[in-house]
Amino acid sequence: QVRIAESGEKALVQPGESTRLSCTASGTPFKIVGWYRQGPGKQRELVATITHTGILNYADSVKGRFTLSRDNNTLFLQMDSLKPEDTAVYFCYAESLQPMTPNAFWGAGTQVTVSS
């Protein structure tokens, strides 16, 4: 059974501050894991992903500020120099390596609000 469990250090941060999100994905080998986000009135968008071979991909809007890392089956998103426009619900995403239905899994979402 695939399980996606998310957590965050701080739900409310001030501009310029940092916080870290964690995601534990288990139950099957994953081809891609990462984070997406959905801001108020916006569509869900990619934040950062990493493949099972270690290839990283970041959205242009977070490059240089966010760092994605992985330790066994736990994924971390270190978010530095946060801006108000980073306010969103952050969703952990995992795509299975082996063919299966479904093959994409989402966490429930973690709210991050950047405001002074």
C-alpha atoms as a PDB file:
ATOM      1  CA  GLN A   1       0.000   0.000   0.000  1.00  0.00           C
ATOM      2  CA  VAL A   2       1.408   3.374  -1.007  1.00  0.00           C
ATOM      3  CA  ARG A   3       1.586   5.943   1.748  1.00  0.00           C
ATOM      4  CA  ILE A   4       2.430   9.629   1.433  1.00  0.00           C
ATOM      5  CA  ALA A   5       2.878  11.522   4.702  1.00  0.00           C
ATOM      6  CA  GLU A   6       3.752  15.225   4.793  1.00  0.00           C
ATOM      7  CA  SER A   7       4.810  17.564   7.555  1.00  0.00           C
ATOM      8  CA  GLY A   8       6.106  21.089   7.844  1.00  0.00           C
ATOM      9  CA  GLU A   9       8.162  22.945  10.437  1.00  0.00           C
ATOM     10  CA  LYS A  10       6.224  26.201  10.376  1.00  0.00           C
ATOM     11  CA  ALA A  11       2.903  27.001   8.747  1.00  0.00           C
ATOM     12  CA  LEU A  12       3.327  30.776   9.053  1.00  0.00           C
ATOM     13  CA  VAL A  13       6.596  32.510   8.323  1.00  0.00           C
ATOM     14  CA  GLN A  14       7.671  36.066   7.664  1.00  0.00           C
ATOM     15  CA  PRO A  15       9.176  37.164   4.356  1.00  0.00           C
ATOM     16  CA  GLY A  16      12.844  36.256   4.218  1.00  0.00           C
ATOM     17  CA  GLU A  17      12.516  33.457   6.714  1.00  0.00           C
ATOM     18  CA  SER A  18      12.971  29.731   6.166  1.00  0.00           C
ATOM     19  CA  THR A  19      11.046  26.566   6.778  1.00  0.00           C
ATOM     20  CA  ARG A  20      11.319  22.929   5.800  1.00  0.00           C
ATOM     21  CA  LEU A  21       8.792  20.438   4.515  1.00  0.00           C
ATOM     22  CA  SER A  22       9.150  16.692   4.856  1.00  0.00           C
ATOM     23  CA  CYS A  23       7.481  13.892   2.970  1.00  0.00           C
ATOM     24  CA  THR A  24       7.729  10.184   3.565  1.00  0.00           C
ATOM     25  CA  ALA A  25       6.710   8.091   0.595  1.00  0.00           C
ATOM     26  CA  SER A  26       6.562   4.343   0.976  1.00  0.00           C
ATOM     27  CA  GLY A  27       4.970   1.223  -0.415  1.00  0.00           C
ATOM     28  CA  THR A  28       6.633   0.910  -3.790  1.00  0.00           C
ATOM     29  CA  PRO A  29       9.770   2.132  -5.557  1.00  0.00           C
ATOM     30  CA  PHE A  30       9.252   5.577  -7.022  1.00  0.00           C
ATOM     31  CA  LYS A  31      10.508   6.941 -10.317  1.00  0.00           C
ATOM     32  CA  ILE A  32       9.939  10.587  -9.369  1.00  0.00           C
ATOM     33  CA  VAL A  33       9.181  12.259  -6.055  1.00  0.00           C
ATOM     34  CA  GLY A  34       8.780  15.917  -5.363  1.00  0.00           C
ATOM     35  CA  TRP A  35       6.641  18.861  -4.416  1.00  0.00           C
ATOM     36  CA  TYR A  36       3.949  20.825  -6.166  1.00  0.00           C
ATOM     37  CA  ARG A  37       2.072  23.816  -4.804  1.00  0.00           C
ATOM     38  CA  GLN A  38      -1.205  25.602  -5.313  1.00  0.00           C
ATOM     39  CA  GLY A  39      -1.476  29.225  -4.342  1.00  0.00           C
ATOM     40  CA  PRO A  40      -4.727  31.108  -3.739  1.00  0.00           C
ATOM     41  CA  GLY A  41      -6.626  31.338  -6.999  1.00  0.00           C
ATOM     42  CA  LYS A  42      -3.858  29.585  -8.898  1.00  0.00           C
ATOM     43  CA  GLN A  43      -3.377  26.246 -10.568  1.00  0.00           C
ATOM     44  CA  ARG A  44      -1.181  23.589  -9.060  1.00  0.00           C
ATOM     45  CA  GLU A  45       2.414  24.002 -10.211  1.00  0.00           C
ATOM     46  CA  LEU A  46       5.652  22.100  -9.953  1.00  0.00           C
ATOM     47  CA  VAL A  47       8.084  23.244  -7.280  1.00  0.00           C
ATOM     48  CA  ALA A  48      10.844  20.648  -7.393  1.00  0.00           C
ATOM     49  CA  THR A  49      11.271  16.988  -8.213  1.00  0.00           C
ATOM     50  CA  ILE A  50      13.978  14.359  -8.071  1.00  0.00           C
ATOM     51  CA  THR A  51      14.152  11.135 -10.050  1.00  0.00           C
ATOM     52  CA  HIS A  52      15.243   7.767  -8.725  1.00  0.00           C
ATOM     53  CA  THR A  53      18.556   8.383 -10.515  1.00  0.00           C
ATOM     54  CA  GLY A  54      19.064  11.653  -8.682  1.00  0.00           C
ATOM     55  CA  ILE A  55      18.159  14.164 -11.373  1.00  0.00           C
ATOM     56  CA  LEU A  56      16.817  17.350  -9.833  1.00  0.00           C
ATOM     57  CA  ASN A  57      14.366  19.768 -11.394  1.00  0.00           C
ATOM     58  CA  TYR A  58      13.303  23.122  -9.946  1.00  0.00           C
ATOM     59  CA  ALA A  59      10.762  25.690 -10.992  1.00  0.00           C
ATOM     60  CA  ASP A  60      12.468  28.897 -12.073  1.00  0.00           C
ATOM     61  CA  SER A  61      10.626  30.787  -9.355  1.00  0.00           C
ATOM     62  CA  VAL A  62      12.332  28.819  -6.575  1.00  0.00           C
ATOM     63  CA  LYS A  63      15.798  28.192  -8.009  1.00  0.00           C
ATOM     64  CA  GLY A  64      18.472  29.383  -5.626  1.00  0.00           C
ATOM     65  CA  ARG A  65      16.027  29.589  -2.726  1.00  0.00           C
ATOM     66  CA  PHE A  66      14.607  26.075  -2.340  1.00  0.00           C
ATOM     67  CA  THR A  67      16.627  22.887  -1.967  1.00  0.00           C
ATOM     68  CA  LEU A  68      15.248  19.404  -2.469  1.00  0.00           C
ATOM     69  CA  SER A  69      17.011  16.485  -0.836  1.00  0.00           C
ATOM     70  CA  ARG A  70      16.291  12.870  -0.100  1.00  0.00           C
ATOM     71  CA  ASP A  71      17.268  10.528   2.712  1.00  0.00           C
ATOM     72  CA  ASN A  72      16.095   6.981   2.061  1.00  0.00           C
ATOM     73  CA  ASN A  73      12.322   7.285   1.639  1.00  0.00           C
ATOM     74  CA  THR A  74      12.009  10.763   3.157  1.00  0.00           C
ATOM     75  CA  LEU A  75      12.017  13.845   0.970  1.00  0.00           C
ATOM     76  CA  PHE A  76      12.926  17.287   2.314  1.00  0.00           C
ATOM     77  CA  LEU A  77      12.199  20.681   0.805  1.00  0.00           C
ATOM     78  CA  GLN A  78      14.290  23.390   2.439  1.00  0.00           C
ATOM     79  CA  MET A  79      12.675  26.725   1.680  1.00  0.00           C
ATOM     80  CA  ASP A  80      14.813  29.821   2.245  1.00  0.00           C
ATOM     81  CA  SER A  81      14.309  33.506   1.514  1.00  0.00           C
ATOM     82  CA  LEU A  82      10.586  32.977   1.425  1.00  0.00           C
ATOM     83  CA  LYS A  83       8.390  35.493  -0.358  1.00  0.00           C
ATOM     84  CA  PRO A  84       4.684  36.234  -0.005  1.00  0.00           C
ATOM     85  CA  GLU A  85       4.161  34.693  -3.436  1.00  0.00           C
ATOM     86  CA  ASP A  86       5.383  31.375  -2.019  1.00  0.00           C
ATOM     87  CA  THR A  87       2.181  31.203  -0.006  1.00  0.00           C
ATOM     88  CA  ALA A  88       0.443  28.016  -1.069  1.00  0.00           C
ATOM     89  CA  VAL A  89      -0.631  24.554  -0.145  1.00  0.00           C
ATOM     90  CA  TYR A  90       2.329  22.315  -0.828  1.00  0.00           C
ATOM     91  CA  PHE A  91       1.659  18.778  -2.028  1.00  0.00           C
ATOM     92  CA  CYS A  92       4.078  15.897  -1.996  1.00  0.00           C
ATOM     93  CA  TYR A  93       3.992  13.890  -5.228  1.00  0.00           C
ATOM     94  CA  ALA A  94       5.285  10.438  -6.031  1.00  0.00           C
ATOM     95  CA  GLU A  95       5.192   8.465  -9.259  1.00  0.00           C
ATOM     96  CA  SER A  96       5.755   4.735  -9.157  1.00  0.00           C
ATOM     97  CA  LEU A  97       8.685   3.160 -10.941  1.00  0.00           C
ATOM     98  CA  GLN A  98       6.763   0.063 -11.887  1.00  0.00           C
ATOM     99  CA  PRO A  99       3.607   0.076 -13.995  1.00  0.00           C
ATOM    100  CA  MET A 100       0.580   0.167 -11.740  1.00  0.00           C
ATOM    101  CA  THR A 101      -2.813   1.786 -11.507  1.00  0.00           C
ATOM    102  CA  PRO A 102      -2.829   4.420 -10.214  1.00  0.00           C
ATOM    103  CA  ASN A 103       0.818   5.288 -10.734  1.00  0.00           C
ATOM    104  CA  ALA A 104       0.783   8.805  -9.291  1.00  0.00           C
ATOM    105  CA  PHE A 105       0.170   9.628  -5.667  1.00  0.00           C
ATOM    106  CA  TRP A 106      -0.419  12.853  -3.794  1.00  0.00           C
ATOM    107  CA  GLY A 107      -0.173  13.870  -0.195  1.00  0.00           C
ATOM    108  CA  ALA A 108      -2.996  15.733   1.506  1.00  0.00           C
ATOM    109  CA  GLY A 109      -1.172  19.054   1.349  1.00  0.00           C
ATOM    110  CA  THR A 110       0.604  21.307   3.828  1.00  0.00           C
ATOM    111  CA  GLN A 111      -0.199  25.009   4.092  1.00  0.00           C
ATOM    112  CA  VAL A 112       2.676  27.482   4.068  1.00  0.00           C
ATOM    113  CA  THR A 113       1.811  31.150   4.520  1.00  0.00           C
ATOM    114  CA  VAL A 114       4.431  33.852   4.050  1.00  0.00           C
ATOM    115  CA  SER A 115       3.246  37.095   5.577  1.00  0.00           C
ATOM    116  CA  SER A 116       4.456  39.896   7.791  1.00  0.00           C
END
